[in-house]
Amino acid sequence: MFNIGPLEFLLLAAIALIVFGPDRLPELAKDAGRMLRTLRDVAQGARTQLNSELGPEFADFDLSSLNPRTAIKNALLGDDDFGSLNPKEAIQRALRGEDDPAPSPAIDLSKPARPVEQPLAPGEHPPIDLEAT
């Protein structure tokens, strides 16, 4: 969450011990724990209230889906839960043709796609759509 390694955590603990002293440090740790518990309860209450006010249509709504990283993953890979899908492997499989969809039906090239229009005769005017002009 905070990307703090063990050595950095020990350094922060030593600085806190020096700054606050051994007498006040346990009291501050209790206060910090109480504050974190209160924040967690407030967040859970807000989440519960949001789910109850959205109604039954959004009963399975997951707030983590609003995370930009999750939204991009769902947009690129679909809404299915792929677990620990490695994008590099997915691209390699797609390039090898392992994930190709079913081939499209053959196109009949013997007939034109739309009727062929005859060119205008010399001196003939093109048709005019009076409503369009």
N, C-alpha and C. Protein backbone atom coordinates (compact mmCIF):
# COMPACT_ATOMS: atom_id res chain seq x y z
N MET A 1 0.82 -1.19 0.00
CA MET A 1 0.00 0.00 0.00
C MET A 1 0.86 1.25 0.00
N PHE A 2 1.80 1.34 0.96
CA PHE A 2 2.65 2.52 1.02
C PHE A 2 4.01 2.27 0.39
N ASN A 3 4.27 1.03 -0.05
CA ASN A 3 5.52 0.67 -0.70
C ASN A 3 6.71 0.95 0.21
N ILE A 4 6.62 0.50 1.46
CA ILE A 4 7.70 0.67 2.44
C ILE A 4 8.32 -0.68 2.69
N GLY A 5 9.63 -0.76 2.51
CA GLY A 5 10.34 -2.01 2.75
C GLY A 5 10.63 -2.20 4.22
N PRO A 6 11.15 -3.37 4.59
CA PRO A 6 11.42 -3.64 6.01
C PRO A 6 12.51 -2.73 6.60
N LEU A 7 13.53 -2.45 5.83
CA LEU A 7 14.59 -1.58 6.34
C LEU A 7 14.08 -0.16 6.53
N GLU A 8 13.25 0.31 5.62
CA GLU A 8 12.68 1.66 5.75
C GLU A 8 11.74 1.72 6.95
N PHE A 9 10.98 0.63 7.19
CA PHE A 9 10.07 0.60 8.34
C PHE A 9 10.86 0.66 9.64
N LEU A 10 11.96 -0.08 9.73
CA LEU A 10 12.79 -0.04 10.94
C LEU A 10 13.39 1.35 11.15
N LEU A 11 13.79 2.00 10.07
CA LEU A 11 14.34 3.35 10.17
C LEU A 11 13.27 4.32 10.68
N LEU A 12 12.05 4.21 10.16
CA LEU A 12 10.96 5.08 10.63
C LEU A 12 10.63 4.81 12.09
N ALA A 13 10.66 3.53 12.51
CA ALA A 13 10.39 3.19 13.91
C ALA A 13 11.46 3.77 14.82
N ALA A 14 12.72 3.71 14.40
CA ALA A 14 13.81 4.27 15.21
C ALA A 14 13.68 5.78 15.32
N ILE A 15 13.33 6.45 14.23
CA ILE A 15 13.14 7.92 14.27
C ILE A 15 11.97 8.26 15.18
N ALA A 16 10.86 7.49 15.10
CA ALA A 16 9.71 7.74 15.97
C ALA A 16 10.08 7.54 17.43
N LEU A 17 10.90 6.53 17.73
CA LEU A 17 11.32 6.28 19.09
C LEU A 17 12.16 7.42 19.63
N ILE A 18 13.01 7.98 18.77
CA ILE A 18 13.86 9.10 19.19
C ILE A 18 13.03 10.36 19.37
N VAL A 19 12.13 10.65 18.43
CA VAL A 19 11.36 11.90 18.47
C VAL A 19 10.34 11.88 19.60
N PHE A 20 9.57 10.79 19.72
CA PHE A 20 8.48 10.76 20.70
C PHE A 20 8.90 10.18 22.04
N GLY A 21 9.95 9.39 22.06
CA GLY A 21 10.40 8.79 23.31
C GLY A 21 9.66 7.51 23.61
N PRO A 22 10.26 6.68 24.48
CA PRO A 22 9.65 5.39 24.79
C PRO A 22 8.38 5.51 25.64
N ASP A 23 8.16 6.65 26.27
CA ASP A 23 6.98 6.81 27.12
C ASP A 23 5.72 7.07 26.30
N ARG A 24 5.83 7.92 25.28
CA ARG A 24 4.64 8.31 24.50
C ARG A 24 4.39 7.40 23.29
N LEU A 25 5.36 6.63 22.88
CA LEU A 25 5.22 5.83 21.67
C LEU A 25 4.09 4.78 21.76
N PRO A 26 3.94 4.01 22.84
CA PRO A 26 2.82 3.07 22.90
C PRO A 26 1.45 3.77 22.86
N GLU A 27 1.37 4.93 23.49
CA GLU A 27 0.12 5.69 23.46
C GLU A 27 -0.20 6.17 22.04
N LEU A 28 0.81 6.62 21.32
CA LEU A 28 0.59 7.05 19.93
C LEU A 28 0.21 5.87 19.04
N ALA A 29 0.79 4.70 19.28
CA ALA A 29 0.44 3.52 18.48
C ALA A 29 -1.02 3.13 18.72
N LYS A 30 -1.49 3.22 19.98
CA LYS A 30 -2.89 2.94 20.28
C LYS A 30 -3.80 3.92 19.58
N ASP A 31 -3.42 5.21 19.61
CA ASP A 31 -4.24 6.24 18.94
C ASP A 31 -4.28 6.01 17.43
N ALA A 32 -3.14 5.64 16.84
CA ALA A 32 -3.10 5.38 15.40
C ALA A 32 -3.96 4.18 15.04
N GLY A 33 -3.92 3.12 15.84
CA GLY A 33 -4.75 1.95 15.60
C GLY A 33 -6.23 2.28 15.71
N ARG A 34 -6.58 3.07 16.72
CA ARG A 34 -7.97 3.49 16.91
C ARG A 34 -8.44 4.33 15.72
N MET A 35 -7.58 5.22 15.24
CA MET A 35 -7.94 6.06 14.10
C MET A 35 -8.13 5.22 12.84
N LEU A 36 -7.25 4.25 12.60
CA LEU A 36 -7.41 3.38 11.44
C LEU A 36 -8.69 2.56 11.52
N ARG A 37 -9.01 2.07 12.72
CA ARG A 37 -10.25 1.30 12.89
C ARG A 37 -11.46 2.18 12.61
N THR A 38 -11.43 3.43 13.09
CA THR A 38 -12.54 4.36 12.85
C THR A 38 -12.68 4.67 11.37
N LEU A 39 -11.57 4.91 10.68
CA LEU A 39 -11.62 5.18 9.24
C LEU A 39 -12.15 3.98 8.47
N ARG A 40 -11.76 2.78 8.87
CA ARG A 40 -12.25 1.57 8.21
C ARG A 40 -13.76 1.42 8.42
N ASP A 41 -14.24 1.72 9.64
CA ASP A 41 -15.68 1.65 9.91
C ASP A 41 -16.45 2.69 9.10
N VAL A 42 -15.90 3.90 8.97
CA VAL A 42 -16.56 4.95 8.19
C VAL A 42 -16.63 4.53 6.72
N ALA A 43 -15.54 3.99 6.19
CA ALA A 43 -15.53 3.56 4.79
C ALA A 43 -16.51 2.42 4.57
N GLN A 44 -16.58 1.47 5.50
CA GLN A 44 -17.52 0.36 5.36
C GLN A 44 -18.96 0.87 5.44
N GLY A 45 -19.23 1.83 6.32
CA GLY A 45 -20.57 2.41 6.42
C GLY A 45 -20.96 3.14 5.15
N ALA A 46 -20.03 3.89 4.57
CA ALA A 46 -20.31 4.59 3.32
C ALA A 46 -20.57 3.60 2.19
N ARG A 47 -19.81 2.52 2.16
CA ARG A 47 -20.00 1.49 1.13
C ARG A 47 -21.37 0.82 1.29
N THR A 48 -21.75 0.53 2.53
CA THR A 48 -23.05 -0.09 2.79
C THR A 48 -24.19 0.85 2.41
N GLN A 49 -24.04 2.12 2.77
CA GLN A 49 -25.08 3.11 2.45
C GLN A 49 -25.21 3.28 0.93
N LEU A 50 -24.10 3.31 0.23
CA LEU A 50 -24.13 3.45 -1.23
C LEU A 50 -24.83 2.25 -1.86
N ASN A 51 -24.51 1.04 -1.41
CA ASN A 51 -25.15 -0.16 -1.96
C ASN A 51 -26.64 -0.17 -1.65
N SER A 52 -27.05 0.29 -0.47
CA SER A 52 -28.48 0.27 -0.13
C SER A 52 -29.24 1.34 -0.91
N GLU A 53 -28.62 2.47 -1.20
CA GLU A 53 -29.31 3.53 -1.93
C GLU A 53 -29.35 3.29 -3.43
N LEU A 54 -28.40 2.51 -3.95
CA LEU A 54 -28.41 2.22 -5.39
C LEU A 54 -29.53 1.26 -5.75
N GLY A 55 -29.92 0.44 -4.83
CA GLY A 55 -31.04 -0.46 -5.08
C GLY A 55 -30.59 -1.83 -5.53
N PRO A 56 -31.57 -2.70 -5.80
CA PRO A 56 -31.23 -4.09 -6.15
C PRO A 56 -30.57 -4.23 -7.51
N GLU A 57 -30.73 -3.24 -8.40
CA GLU A 57 -30.11 -3.34 -9.73
C GLU A 57 -28.59 -3.38 -9.63
N PHE A 58 -28.06 -2.72 -8.59
CA PHE A 58 -26.61 -2.63 -8.44
C PHE A 58 -26.13 -3.45 -7.24
N ALA A 59 -26.83 -4.53 -6.94
CA ALA A 59 -26.46 -5.35 -5.79
C ALA A 59 -25.08 -5.98 -5.96
N ASP A 60 -24.73 -6.32 -7.20
CA ASP A 60 -23.42 -6.94 -7.44
C ASP A 60 -22.38 -5.92 -7.88
N PHE A 61 -22.66 -4.63 -7.71
CA PHE A 61 -21.73 -3.57 -8.11
C PHE A 61 -20.50 -3.61 -7.21
N ASP A 62 -19.33 -3.58 -7.81
CA ASP A 62 -18.08 -3.64 -7.07
C ASP A 62 -17.36 -2.31 -7.22
N LEU A 63 -17.06 -1.66 -6.10
CA LEU A 63 -16.40 -0.36 -6.17
C LEU A 63 -14.98 -0.46 -6.74
N SER A 64 -14.36 -1.63 -6.62
CA SER A 64 -13.01 -1.76 -7.17
C SER A 64 -13.01 -1.71 -8.69
N SER A 65 -14.18 -1.87 -9.32
CA SER A 65 -14.25 -1.78 -10.78
C SER A 65 -14.07 -0.34 -11.24
N LEU A 66 -14.15 0.62 -10.32
CA LEU A 66 -13.94 2.02 -10.68
C LEU A 66 -12.46 2.39 -10.71
N ASN A 67 -11.61 1.47 -10.29
CA ASN A 67 -10.17 1.70 -10.35
C ASN A 67 -9.76 1.78 -11.82
N PRO A 68 -9.01 2.81 -12.22
CA PRO A 68 -8.63 2.95 -13.64
C PRO A 68 -7.89 1.73 -14.19
N ARG A 69 -7.05 1.13 -13.40
CA ARG A 69 -6.30 -0.04 -13.87
C ARG A 69 -7.25 -1.19 -14.17
N THR A 70 -8.25 -1.39 -13.30
CA THR A 70 -9.23 -2.44 -13.51
C THR A 70 -10.09 -2.14 -14.73
N ALA A 71 -10.45 -0.87 -14.91
CA ALA A 71 -11.28 -0.49 -16.06
C ALA A 71 -10.54 -0.75 -17.37
N ILE A 72 -9.25 -0.45 -17.42
CA ILE A 72 -8.46 -0.68 -18.63
C ILE A 72 -8.33 -2.18 -18.89
N LYS A 73 -8.10 -2.96 -17.82
CA LYS A 73 -8.00 -4.41 -17.99
C LYS A 73 -9.29 -5.00 -18.53
N ASN A 74 -10.43 -4.53 -17.99
CA ASN A 74 -11.72 -5.03 -18.46
C ASN A 74 -11.98 -4.60 -19.90
N ALA A 75 -11.54 -3.41 -20.27
CA ALA A 75 -11.77 -2.93 -21.63
C ALA A 75 -10.92 -3.72 -22.63
N LEU A 76 -9.70 -4.06 -22.25
CA LEU A 76 -8.81 -4.76 -23.16
C LEU A 76 -9.05 -6.26 -23.19
N LEU A 77 -9.33 -6.85 -22.05
CA LEU A 77 -9.43 -8.30 -21.96
C LEU A 77 -10.85 -8.79 -21.77
N GLY A 78 -11.81 -7.89 -21.64
CA GLY A 78 -13.19 -8.29 -21.41
C GLY A 78 -13.51 -8.27 -19.93
N ASP A 79 -14.78 -8.46 -19.61
CA ASP A 79 -15.22 -8.39 -18.22
C ASP A 79 -15.00 -9.69 -17.46
N ASP A 80 -14.55 -10.75 -18.13
CA ASP A 80 -14.34 -12.02 -17.45
C ASP A 80 -13.21 -11.90 -16.46
N ASP A 81 -13.29 -12.69 -15.41
CA ASP A 81 -12.23 -12.70 -14.41
C ASP A 81 -11.15 -13.65 -14.88
N PHE A 82 -10.01 -13.12 -15.27
CA PHE A 82 -8.93 -13.93 -15.80
C PHE A 82 -7.91 -14.29 -14.73
N GLY A 83 -8.14 -13.86 -13.49
CA GLY A 83 -7.19 -14.17 -12.43
C GLY A 83 -5.88 -13.47 -12.69
N SER A 84 -4.82 -14.25 -12.77
CA SER A 84 -3.49 -13.67 -12.99
C SER A 84 -3.09 -13.86 -14.44
N LEU A 85 -3.84 -13.28 -15.35
CA LEU A 85 -3.55 -13.40 -16.77
C LEU A 85 -2.34 -12.53 -17.11
N ASN A 86 -1.41 -13.11 -17.79
CA ASN A 86 -0.21 -12.40 -18.20
C ASN A 86 -0.48 -11.83 -19.60
N PRO A 87 -0.51 -10.49 -19.76
CA PRO A 87 -0.79 -9.91 -21.07
C PRO A 87 0.21 -10.34 -22.14
N LYS A 88 1.46 -10.54 -21.75
CA LYS A 88 2.47 -10.95 -22.72
C LYS A 88 2.12 -12.32 -23.31
N GLU A 89 1.69 -13.25 -22.45
CA GLU A 89 1.31 -14.57 -22.93
C GLU A 89 0.06 -14.50 -23.79
N ALA A 90 -0.89 -13.64 -23.43
CA ALA A 90 -2.13 -13.51 -24.21
C ALA A 90 -1.82 -12.98 -25.61
N ILE A 91 -0.90 -12.04 -25.72
CA ILE A 91 -0.52 -11.49 -27.02
C ILE A 91 0.20 -12.53 -27.85
N GLN A 92 1.09 -13.30 -27.20
CA GLN A 92 1.80 -14.34 -27.93
C GLN A 92 0.84 -15.41 -28.44
N ARG A 93 -0.17 -15.80 -27.62
CA ARG A 93 -1.15 -16.78 -28.07
C ARG A 93 -1.96 -16.24 -29.24
N ALA A 94 -2.32 -14.97 -29.16
CA ALA A 94 -3.10 -14.37 -30.24
C ALA A 94 -2.28 -14.31 -31.53
N LEU A 95 -0.98 -14.03 -31.43
CA LEU A 95 -0.13 -13.97 -32.61
C LEU A 95 0.06 -15.36 -33.22
N ARG A 96 0.08 -16.39 -32.38
CA ARG A 96 0.20 -17.76 -32.90
C ARG A 96 -1.11 -18.26 -33.47
N GLY A 97 -2.20 -17.56 -33.20
CA GLY A 97 -3.50 -17.94 -33.75
C GLY A 97 -4.26 -18.90 -32.87
N GLU A 98 -3.84 -19.07 -31.62
CA GLU A 98 -4.53 -20.00 -30.73
C GLU A 98 -5.88 -19.46 -30.27
N ASP A 99 -6.02 -18.16 -30.21
CA ASP A 99 -7.26 -17.54 -29.72
C ASP A 99 -8.10 -16.98 -30.85
N ASP A 100 -7.87 -17.43 -32.09
CA ASP A 100 -8.62 -16.89 -33.22
C ASP A 100 -10.08 -17.27 -33.12
N PRO A 101 -10.98 -16.35 -33.41
CA PRO A 101 -12.39 -16.70 -33.45
C PRO A 101 -12.68 -17.58 -34.66
N ALA A 102 -13.89 -18.11 -34.71
CA ALA A 102 -14.28 -18.96 -35.83
C ALA A 102 -14.17 -18.17 -37.13
N PRO A 103 -13.72 -18.80 -38.22
CA PRO A 103 -13.55 -18.07 -39.48
C PRO A 103 -14.91 -17.59 -39.99
N SER A 104 -14.89 -16.43 -40.61
CA SER A 104 -16.13 -15.87 -41.15
C SER A 104 -16.54 -16.65 -42.39
N PRO A 105 -17.84 -16.67 -42.70
CA PRO A 105 -18.28 -17.42 -43.89
C PRO A 105 -17.66 -16.82 -45.15
N ALA A 106 -17.50 -17.66 -46.14
CA ALA A 106 -16.88 -17.22 -47.40
C ALA A 106 -17.77 -16.18 -48.08
N ILE A 107 -17.14 -15.22 -48.71
CA ILE A 107 -17.86 -14.16 -49.41
C ILE A 107 -17.94 -14.53 -50.88
N ASP A 108 -19.14 -14.42 -51.45
CA ASP A 108 -19.34 -14.73 -52.85
C ASP A 108 -18.95 -13.52 -53.68
N LEU A 109 -17.82 -13.60 -54.36
CA LEU A 109 -17.33 -12.48 -55.16
C LEU A 109 -17.86 -12.50 -56.58
N SER A 110 -18.68 -13.47 -56.92
CA SER A 110 -19.19 -13.54 -58.29
C SER A 110 -20.26 -12.49 -58.55
N LYS A 111 -20.98 -12.03 -57.50
CA LYS A 111 -22.00 -11.01 -57.67
C LYS A 111 -21.49 -9.69 -57.09
N PRO A 112 -21.84 -8.59 -57.71
CA PRO A 112 -21.44 -7.31 -57.14
C PRO A 112 -22.21 -7.05 -55.83
N ALA A 113 -21.63 -6.27 -54.97
CA ALA A 113 -22.23 -5.99 -53.67
C ALA A 113 -23.48 -5.14 -53.82
N ARG A 114 -23.51 -4.20 -54.76
CA ARG A 114 -24.70 -3.39 -55.02
C ARG A 114 -24.92 -3.33 -56.52
N PRO A 115 -26.11 -3.01 -56.93
CA PRO A 115 -26.37 -2.98 -58.38
C PRO A 115 -25.49 -1.93 -59.07
N VAL A 116 -25.08 -2.28 -60.27
CA VAL A 116 -24.23 -1.38 -61.05
C VAL A 116 -25.12 -0.34 -61.71
N GLU A 117 -24.78 0.92 -61.53
CA GLU A 117 -25.56 2.00 -62.15
C GLU A 117 -25.00 2.30 -63.54
N GLN A 118 -25.89 2.53 -64.45
CA GLN A 118 -25.48 2.85 -65.82
C GLN A 118 -25.02 4.30 -65.86
N PRO A 119 -23.96 4.57 -66.61
CA PRO A 119 -23.52 5.97 -66.72
C PRO A 119 -24.56 6.80 -67.47
N LEU A 120 -24.52 8.10 -67.24
CA LEU A 120 -25.45 9.02 -67.89
C LEU A 120 -25.13 9.12 -69.38
N ALA A 121 -26.18 9.24 -70.14
CA ALA A 121 -26.00 9.43 -71.59
C ALA A 121 -25.54 10.86 -71.84
N PRO A 122 -24.89 11.13 -72.99
CA PRO A 122 -24.45 12.50 -73.27
C PRO A 122 -25.66 13.44 -73.29
N GLY A 123 -25.53 14.55 -72.57
CA GLY A 123 -26.59 15.56 -72.51
C GLY A 123 -27.63 15.26 -71.44
N GLU A 124 -27.58 14.11 -70.78
CA GLU A 124 -28.55 13.76 -69.74
C GLU A 124 -28.13 14.40 -68.41
N HIS A 125 -29.09 14.93 -67.70
CA HIS A 125 -28.82 15.58 -66.42
C HIS A 125 -28.97 14.55 -65.29
N PRO A 126 -28.17 14.66 -64.24
CA PRO A 126 -28.29 13.73 -63.12
C PRO A 126 -29.62 13.99 -62.38
N PRO A 127 -30.15 13.01 -61.71
CA PRO A 127 -31.41 13.22 -61.00
C PRO A 127 -31.17 14.20 -59.85
N ILE A 128 -32.19 15.01 -59.57
CA ILE A 128 -32.10 16.02 -58.53
C ILE A 128 -33.13 15.70 -57.46
N ASP A 129 -32.70 15.74 -56.22
CA ASP A 129 -33.59 15.56 -55.09
C ASP A 129 -33.98 16.97 -54.63
N LEU A 130 -35.20 17.37 -54.92
CA LEU A 130 -35.63 18.72 -54.58
C LEU A 130 -35.69 18.96 -53.08
N GLU A 131 -35.95 17.93 -52.30
CA GLU A 131 -36.02 18.09 -50.85
C GLU A 131 -34.64 18.26 -50.23
N ALA A 132 -33.61 17.76 -50.89
CA ALA A 132 -32.27 17.83 -50.33
C ALA A 132 -31.58 19.15 -50.67
N THR A 133 -32.07 19.87 -51.67
CA THR A 133 -31.41 21.10 -52.07
C THR A 133 -32.14 22.32 -51.58
